[in-house]
Protein backbone atom coordinates (compact mmCIF):
# COMPACT_ATOMS: atom_id res chain seq x y z
CA MET A 1 -74.36 -2.42 63.10
CA ILE A 2 -75.16 -2.27 59.43
CA ALA A 3 -71.97 -1.86 57.40
CA SER A 4 -73.41 0.73 55.06
CA ARG A 5 -73.85 4.49 54.86
CA ASN A 6 -76.94 3.92 52.73
CA ARG A 7 -79.87 5.00 54.95
CA HIS A 8 -82.35 3.31 52.59
CA LYS A 9 -80.50 0.00 52.97
CA ALA A 10 -80.39 0.45 56.76
CA ARG A 11 -84.16 1.03 56.83
CA GLU A 12 -84.74 -2.09 54.69
CA MET A 13 -82.57 -4.23 56.98
CA ARG A 14 -84.42 -2.96 60.05
CA GLN A 15 -87.70 -3.99 58.37
CA ILE A 16 -86.32 -7.43 57.44
CA LEU A 17 -84.90 -8.10 60.91
CA PRO A 18 -87.57 -6.80 63.33
CA VAL A 19 -87.33 -9.89 65.52
CA LEU A 20 -83.88 -8.86 66.68
CA HIS A 21 -84.11 -6.97 69.92
CA VAL A 22 -80.99 -4.95 69.25
CA LEU A 23 -80.30 -1.43 68.10
CA LEU A 24 -79.25 -1.53 64.45
CA ARG A 25 -76.99 1.40 63.67
CA CYS A 26 -75.40 2.26 60.34
CA LEU A 27 -71.98 3.56 59.42
CA ASP A 28 -73.10 7.19 59.58
CA ASP A 29 -73.27 6.69 63.37
CA PHE A 30 -69.49 6.12 63.37
CA GLU A 31 -67.71 9.22 62.06
CA ASP A 32 -64.16 7.83 62.03
CA VAL A 33 -64.78 4.65 60.02
CA PRO A 34 -63.29 4.97 56.53
CA GLU A 35 -65.10 3.83 53.40
CA VAL A 36 -64.44 0.21 52.47
CA VAL A 37 -63.30 -0.17 48.87
CA GLU A 38 -65.38 -2.87 47.18
CA ASP A 39 -62.61 -4.36 45.06
CA ARG A 40 -63.39 -8.07 45.24
CA ASP A 41 -64.59 -9.97 42.19
CA THR A 42 -67.57 -11.66 43.89
CA PHE A 43 -70.57 -10.44 45.86
CA LEU A 44 -69.52 -12.62 48.77
CA GLY A 45 -65.97 -11.25 48.68
CA ASN A 46 -67.19 -7.65 48.83
CA ALA A 47 -69.70 -8.37 51.59
CA ARG A 48 -67.08 -10.25 53.63
CA LYS A 49 -64.53 -7.46 53.22
CA LYS A 50 -67.03 -4.78 54.30
CA ALA A 51 -68.27 -6.74 57.31
CA VAL A 52 -64.82 -7.69 58.59
CA GLU A 53 -63.29 -4.23 58.13
CA VAL A 54 -66.25 -2.40 59.69
CA ALA A 55 -66.45 -4.80 62.64
CA ALA A 56 -62.74 -4.33 63.32
CA ALA A 57 -62.98 -0.53 63.00
CA THR A 58 -66.05 -0.14 65.24
CA GLY A 59 -65.61 -2.96 67.73
CA GLU A 60 -69.22 -3.91 66.93
CA TRP A 61 -70.76 -6.83 65.09
CA ALA A 62 -71.26 -5.73 61.48
CA LEU A 63 -73.78 -6.91 58.90
CA ALA A 64 -72.81 -6.22 55.28
CA ASP A 65 -74.21 -7.20 51.93
CA ASP A 66 -73.34 -6.87 48.30
CA SER A 67 -75.76 -7.48 45.50
CA GLY A 68 -76.38 -6.87 41.85
CA LEU A 69 -77.73 -8.00 38.54
CA VAL A 70 -76.11 -10.85 36.61
CA VAL A 71 -77.07 -10.98 32.91
CA HIS A 72 -76.21 -14.42 31.57
CA ALA A 73 -75.66 -13.39 27.92
CA LEU A 74 -73.26 -10.65 29.06
CA ASP A 75 -71.00 -13.13 30.85
CA GLY A 76 -72.48 -12.11 34.20
CA ARG A 77 -72.13 -8.35 33.74
CA PRO A 78 -72.81 -5.98 35.35
CA GLY A 79 -72.36 -8.28 38.38
CA VAL A 80 -70.35 -6.77 41.24
CA LEU A 81 -70.15 -3.55 39.22
CA SER A 82 -73.95 -3.13 39.10
CA ALA A 83 -73.91 0.11 41.12
CA ARG A 84 -70.91 1.42 39.15
CA PHE A 85 -71.61 -0.07 35.71
CA ALA A 86 -71.74 3.36 34.03
CA GLY A 87 -68.93 4.80 36.17
CA GLU A 88 -68.07 5.63 39.77
CA ASP A 89 -70.45 8.61 39.96
CA ALA A 90 -73.23 7.06 37.88
CA THR A 91 -76.84 7.19 38.99
CA ASP A 92 -79.20 4.21 38.95
CA ALA A 93 -80.71 5.69 35.77
CA ASP A 94 -77.24 5.91 34.16
CA ASN A 95 -76.55 2.27 35.01
CA ARG A 96 -79.92 1.10 33.64
CA ARG A 97 -79.44 3.13 30.44
CA LEU A 98 -75.98 1.65 29.81
CA LEU A 99 -77.21 -1.86 30.54
CA LEU A 100 -80.11 -1.51 28.09
CA GLU A 101 -77.77 -0.04 25.45
CA THR A 102 -75.33 -2.92 25.95
CA ILE A 103 -78.13 -5.47 25.62
CA ARG A 104 -79.38 -3.84 22.39
CA GLU A 105 -75.84 -3.58 20.95
CA CYS A 106 -75.39 -7.32 21.52
CA GLY A 107 -78.61 -7.99 19.60
CA LEU A 108 -80.31 -9.54 22.62
CA GLU A 109 -84.09 -9.36 22.72
CA ARG A 110 -84.99 -11.03 26.00
CA PRO A 111 -81.82 -11.93 27.89
CA THR A 112 -82.12 -13.86 31.11
CA ALA A 113 -80.75 -12.39 34.29
CA GLU A 114 -80.83 -12.91 38.00
CA PHE A 115 -80.39 -10.79 41.07
CA ARG A 116 -77.74 -12.07 43.48
CA CYS A 117 -77.13 -11.05 47.04
CA ALA A 118 -74.51 -12.09 49.56
CA ALA A 119 -74.69 -11.17 53.25
CA VAL A 120 -72.01 -11.50 55.90
CA LEU A 121 -72.17 -10.95 59.64
CA ALA A 122 -68.78 -10.37 61.25
CA ARG A 123 -67.65 -10.08 64.84
CA PRO A 124 -64.85 -7.70 65.84
CA ASP A 125 -62.52 -10.71 66.25
CA GLY A 126 -62.90 -11.52 62.52
CA THR A 127 -65.30 -14.46 62.90
CA VAL A 128 -67.86 -14.42 60.07
CA LEU A 129 -71.21 -15.95 59.19
CA GLU A 130 -72.11 -15.75 55.52
CA GLU A 131 -75.08 -16.39 53.28
CA VAL A 132 -75.37 -16.25 49.52
CA GLU A 133 -78.69 -15.99 47.72
CA GLU A 134 -78.66 -16.79 44.05
CA GLY A 135 -81.46 -16.43 41.57
């Protein structure tokens, strides 16, 4: 089970994990599972929270990730707020526009940044396997 309602993300994970001979379902296949609030201050914390809560709610193993852009000169922003940098209902274009404005306002010409991703696989009993990719 992929702990996401994002069909694009589910399709990507199915492409990444074709060697698994299991049916990978996403959260849309489980009508009664509430949204998990991503309120942790790290990618790993958000991924762990999503995986554990979804596994407990569905009784299925759950794979969750959290990822985003870390701009070094902006003290790591947008970081875990990458998808919500310009607000809760912001589009990807809104987030990019605000990030570029913020970079220009800080007088940065070529700031360095990295994409970070954390993934967690959780069993319904709360056992987790985690992986963090940095850079």
